[in-house]
Amino acid sequence: MTRRSVSELAARADELADRFENYDPKPEDFDAPLPPVMAVQLAAWKRDAAERDLAAAVTEAREQETSWRVIGEAIGTTGEAARQRYSRV
């Protein structure tokens, strides 16, 4: 592995920054498939975001005195299962 000087690294960083700042995406760039691992990471992030949204919605519903039975039906489970999962949120 060739060691580079600080000035060489700074020049490369500047070059990459210029390329980034001047990048003009093409329509086909938006249709490119994600690499598989990135797709998994994105799906996991979406799942986490959806769980946070769901927990907030359940909290709001409980503050409005919605029953656990109704909340459970809304998320496709029983009221007891919903209470066990979200009562600590």
N, C-alpha and C. Protein backbone atom coordinates (compact mmCIF):
# COMPACT_ATOMS: atom_id res chain seq x y z
N MET A 1 0.84 -1.17 0.00
CA MET A 1 0.00 0.00 0.00
C MET A 1 0.89 1.24 0.00
N THR A 2 0.62 2.14 -0.91
CA THR A 2 1.41 3.36 -1.03
C THR A 2 0.88 4.41 -0.07
N ARG A 3 1.77 4.94 0.72
CA ARG A 3 1.37 6.01 1.64
C ARG A 3 1.34 7.32 0.89
N ARG A 4 0.31 8.10 1.14
CA ARG A 4 0.19 9.38 0.47
C ARG A 4 0.44 10.50 1.45
N SER A 5 0.93 11.60 0.91
CA SER A 5 1.20 12.76 1.76
C SER A 5 -0.11 13.46 2.09
N VAL A 6 -0.06 14.29 3.09
CA VAL A 6 -1.24 15.07 3.47
C VAL A 6 -1.70 15.94 2.31
N SER A 7 -0.77 16.52 1.58
CA SER A 7 -1.15 17.37 0.45
C SER A 7 -1.81 16.56 -0.65
N GLU A 8 -1.34 15.33 -0.88
CA GLU A 8 -1.98 14.46 -1.87
C GLU A 8 -3.39 14.07 -1.43
N LEU A 9 -3.54 13.77 -0.15
CA LEU A 9 -4.87 13.43 0.37
C LEU A 9 -5.82 14.62 0.29
N ALA A 10 -5.31 15.81 0.61
CA ALA A 10 -6.14 17.02 0.53
C ALA A 10 -6.54 17.32 -0.90
N ALA A 11 -5.63 17.11 -1.83
CA ALA A 11 -5.94 17.34 -3.25
C ALA A 11 -7.01 16.36 -3.71
N ARG A 12 -6.90 15.11 -3.28
CA ARG A 12 -7.91 14.10 -3.66
C ARG A 12 -9.26 14.44 -3.04
N ALA A 13 -9.24 14.89 -1.81
CA ALA A 13 -10.49 15.29 -1.14
C ALA A 13 -11.14 16.46 -1.88
N ASP A 14 -10.34 17.42 -2.28
CA ASP A 14 -10.86 18.57 -3.05
C ASP A 14 -11.45 18.12 -4.38
N GLU A 15 -10.77 17.19 -5.03
CA GLU A 15 -11.26 16.67 -6.31
C GLU A 15 -12.62 15.99 -6.13
N LEU A 16 -12.73 15.15 -5.10
CA LEU A 16 -13.99 14.47 -4.84
C LEU A 16 -15.09 15.46 -4.45
N ALA A 17 -14.75 16.47 -3.67
CA ALA A 17 -15.73 17.50 -3.29
C ALA A 17 -16.23 18.24 -4.52
N ASP A 18 -15.32 18.58 -5.44
CA ASP A 18 -15.72 19.26 -6.68
C ASP A 18 -16.65 18.37 -7.50
N ARG A 19 -16.31 17.08 -7.61
CA ARG A 19 -17.17 16.17 -8.37
C ARG A 19 -18.56 16.09 -7.74
N PHE A 20 -18.62 16.04 -6.43
CA PHE A 20 -19.90 15.98 -5.73
C PHE A 20 -20.70 17.26 -5.94
N GLU A 21 -20.07 18.40 -5.77
CA GLU A 21 -20.76 19.68 -5.91
C GLU A 21 -21.25 19.93 -7.33
N ASN A 22 -20.54 19.41 -8.32
CA ASN A 22 -20.90 19.63 -9.71
C ASN A 22 -21.69 18.49 -10.33
N TYR A 23 -22.07 17.52 -9.52
CA TYR A 23 -22.79 16.36 -10.04
C TYR A 23 -24.19 16.77 -10.47
N ASP A 24 -24.55 16.40 -11.66
CA ASP A 24 -25.88 16.67 -12.20
C ASP A 24 -26.52 15.32 -12.52
N PRO A 25 -27.43 14.86 -11.65
CA PRO A 25 -27.98 13.52 -11.86
C PRO A 25 -28.76 13.41 -13.16
N LYS A 26 -28.68 12.24 -13.74
CA LYS A 26 -29.41 11.93 -14.95
C LYS A 26 -30.66 11.14 -14.56
N PRO A 27 -31.69 11.15 -15.38
CA PRO A 27 -32.92 10.42 -15.02
C PRO A 27 -32.67 8.94 -14.68
N GLU A 28 -31.76 8.30 -15.40
CA GLU A 28 -31.50 6.88 -15.13
C GLU A 28 -30.82 6.64 -13.79
N ASP A 29 -30.21 7.68 -13.22
CA ASP A 29 -29.58 7.54 -11.90
C ASP A 29 -30.61 7.21 -10.83
N PHE A 30 -31.83 7.68 -11.01
CA PHE A 30 -32.87 7.48 -10.01
C PHE A 30 -33.49 6.09 -10.09
N ASP A 31 -33.29 5.40 -11.20
CA ASP A 31 -33.86 4.07 -11.40
C ASP A 31 -32.87 2.95 -11.13
N ALA A 32 -31.65 3.29 -10.78
CA ALA A 32 -30.63 2.28 -10.56
C ALA A 32 -30.98 1.44 -9.33
N PRO A 33 -30.84 0.13 -9.42
CA PRO A 33 -31.15 -0.72 -8.26
C PRO A 33 -30.10 -0.51 -7.16
N LEU A 34 -30.56 -0.67 -5.94
CA LEU A 34 -29.64 -0.57 -4.81
C LEU A 34 -28.82 -1.85 -4.71
N PRO A 35 -27.59 -1.73 -4.26
CA PRO A 35 -26.84 -2.95 -3.93
C PRO A 35 -27.60 -3.71 -2.84
N PRO A 36 -27.56 -5.03 -2.83
CA PRO A 36 -28.37 -5.82 -1.88
C PRO A 36 -28.21 -5.42 -0.41
N VAL A 37 -26.99 -5.21 0.03
CA VAL A 37 -26.81 -4.85 1.45
C VAL A 37 -27.41 -3.48 1.74
N MET A 38 -27.28 -2.56 0.80
CA MET A 38 -27.88 -1.24 0.99
C MET A 38 -29.41 -1.35 1.03
N ALA A 39 -29.97 -2.24 0.22
CA ALA A 39 -31.42 -2.45 0.23
C ALA A 39 -31.87 -2.99 1.59
N VAL A 40 -31.08 -3.88 2.17
CA VAL A 40 -31.39 -4.41 3.50
C VAL A 40 -31.31 -3.29 4.54
N GLN A 41 -30.27 -2.47 4.46
CA GLN A 41 -30.12 -1.36 5.41
C GLN A 41 -31.29 -0.38 5.29
N LEU A 42 -31.69 -0.08 4.06
CA LEU A 42 -32.82 0.83 3.85
C LEU A 42 -34.10 0.24 4.40
N ALA A 43 -34.35 -1.05 4.15
CA ALA A 43 -35.55 -1.70 4.67
C ALA A 43 -35.55 -1.69 6.20
N ALA A 44 -34.41 -1.93 6.82
CA ALA A 44 -34.31 -1.91 8.28
C ALA A 44 -34.58 -0.51 8.82
N TRP A 45 -34.05 0.49 8.15
CA TRP A 45 -34.30 1.87 8.57
C TRP A 45 -35.78 2.20 8.45
N LYS A 46 -36.41 1.79 7.34
CA LYS A 46 -37.85 2.03 7.16
C LYS A 46 -38.67 1.33 8.24
N ARG A 47 -38.27 0.09 8.57
CA ARG A 47 -38.97 -0.65 9.63
C ARG A 47 -38.87 0.10 10.95
N ASP A 48 -37.66 0.56 11.28
CA ASP A 48 -37.48 1.29 12.54
C ASP A 48 -38.31 2.57 12.55
N ALA A 49 -38.33 3.28 11.43
CA ALA A 49 -39.12 4.51 11.34
C ALA A 49 -40.61 4.20 11.48
N ALA A 50 -41.06 3.12 10.85
CA ALA A 50 -42.47 2.74 10.94
C ALA A 50 -42.83 2.35 12.38
N GLU A 51 -41.94 1.66 13.07
CA GLU A 51 -42.18 1.31 14.47
C GLU A 51 -42.29 2.55 15.35
N ARG A 52 -41.43 3.53 15.10
CA ARG A 52 -41.53 4.79 15.87
C ARG A 52 -42.85 5.49 15.59
N ASP A 53 -43.24 5.54 14.31
CA ASP A 53 -44.51 6.17 13.94
C ASP A 53 -45.69 5.44 14.57
N LEU A 54 -45.64 4.11 14.55
CA LEU A 54 -46.72 3.32 15.13
C LEU A 54 -46.81 3.54 16.63
N ALA A 55 -45.67 3.55 17.31
CA ALA A 55 -45.67 3.78 18.76
C ALA A 55 -46.23 5.16 19.09
N ALA A 56 -45.88 6.16 18.31
CA ALA A 56 -46.41 7.50 18.54
C ALA A 56 -47.91 7.54 18.30
N ALA A 57 -48.37 6.84 17.26
CA ALA A 57 -49.81 6.81 16.96
C ALA A 57 -50.57 6.09 18.07
N VAL A 58 -50.01 5.01 18.58
CA VAL A 58 -50.66 4.28 19.68
C VAL A 58 -50.72 5.17 20.92
N THR A 59 -49.64 5.86 21.21
CA THR A 59 -49.63 6.77 22.36
C THR A 59 -50.72 7.83 22.21
N GLU A 60 -50.82 8.41 21.03
CA GLU A 60 -51.85 9.42 20.77
C GLU A 60 -53.25 8.82 20.91
N ALA A 61 -53.45 7.62 20.39
CA ALA A 61 -54.75 6.97 20.50
C ALA A 61 -55.11 6.70 21.96
N ARG A 62 -54.14 6.26 22.73
CA ARG A 62 -54.41 6.03 24.16
C ARG A 62 -54.71 7.33 24.89
N GLU A 63 -54.02 8.40 24.52
CA GLU A 63 -54.31 9.71 25.13
C GLU A 63 -55.73 10.16 24.81
N GLN A 64 -56.25 9.70 23.68
CA GLN A 64 -57.63 10.02 23.28
C GLN A 64 -58.61 8.96 23.82
N GLU A 65 -58.11 8.10 24.71
CA GLU A 65 -58.89 7.07 25.39
C GLU A 65 -59.43 5.98 24.46
N THR A 66 -58.69 5.70 23.39
CA THR A 66 -59.02 4.59 22.50
C THR A 66 -58.69 3.30 23.23
N SER A 67 -59.57 2.32 23.16
CA SER A 67 -59.35 1.06 23.87
C SER A 67 -58.23 0.26 23.22
N TRP A 68 -57.63 -0.60 24.05
CA TRP A 68 -56.60 -1.48 23.53
C TRP A 68 -57.17 -2.43 22.49
N ARG A 69 -58.43 -2.82 22.64
CA ARG A 69 -59.07 -3.71 21.67
C ARG A 69 -59.12 -3.06 20.29
N VAL A 70 -59.54 -1.80 20.26
CA VAL A 70 -59.63 -1.08 18.98
C VAL A 70 -58.24 -0.87 18.38
N ILE A 71 -57.27 -0.52 19.22
CA ILE A 71 -55.90 -0.35 18.74
C ILE A 71 -55.36 -1.66 18.19
N GLY A 72 -55.59 -2.75 18.92
CA GLY A 72 -55.13 -4.06 18.46
C GLY A 72 -55.73 -4.43 17.11
N GLU A 73 -57.04 -4.19 16.96
CA GLU A 73 -57.69 -4.48 15.68
C GLU A 73 -57.07 -3.64 14.56
N ALA A 74 -56.75 -2.40 14.86
CA ALA A 74 -56.18 -1.50 13.84
C ALA A 74 -54.81 -1.97 13.36
N ILE A 75 -54.06 -2.62 14.22
CA ILE A 75 -52.73 -3.08 13.81
C ILE A 75 -52.68 -4.57 13.53
N GLY A 76 -53.85 -5.22 13.56
CA GLY A 76 -53.91 -6.62 13.17
C GLY A 76 -53.54 -7.61 14.25
N THR A 77 -53.81 -7.24 15.49
CA THR A 77 -53.51 -8.15 16.59
C THR A 77 -54.62 -8.02 17.64
N THR A 78 -54.44 -8.65 18.76
CA THR A 78 -55.43 -8.52 19.83
C THR A 78 -55.14 -7.28 20.67
N GLY A 79 -56.13 -6.85 21.40
CA GLY A 79 -55.93 -5.72 22.30
C GLY A 79 -54.89 -6.02 23.36
N GLU A 80 -54.91 -7.25 23.88
CA GLU A 80 -53.93 -7.64 24.89
C GLU A 80 -52.52 -7.61 24.34
N ALA A 81 -52.33 -8.11 23.13
CA ALA A 81 -51.00 -8.09 22.52
C ALA A 81 -50.54 -6.65 22.27
N ALA A 82 -51.45 -5.79 21.85
CA ALA A 82 -51.11 -4.38 21.64
C ALA A 82 -50.73 -3.73 22.96
N ARG A 83 -51.49 -4.03 24.02
CA ARG A 83 -51.19 -3.45 25.33
C ARG A 83 -49.83 -3.90 25.82
N GLN A 84 -49.53 -5.20 25.66
CA GLN A 84 -48.24 -5.70 26.11
C GLN A 84 -47.09 -5.05 25.34
N ARG A 85 -47.29 -4.82 24.06
CA ARG A 85 -46.21 -4.28 23.23
C ARG A 85 -46.03 -2.78 23.42
N TYR A 86 -47.14 -2.04 23.58
CA TYR A 86 -47.05 -0.58 23.52
C TYR A 86 -47.38 0.15 24.82
N SER A 87 -47.78 -0.54 25.86
CA SER A 87 -48.15 0.18 27.08
C SER A 87 -46.95 0.84 27.76
N ARG A 88 -45.75 0.37 27.49
CA ARG A 88 -44.54 0.95 28.09
C ARG A 88 -44.00 2.12 27.29
N VAL A 89 -44.57 2.35 26.13
CA VAL A 89 -44.04 3.40 25.23
C VAL A 89 -44.42 4.77 25.78
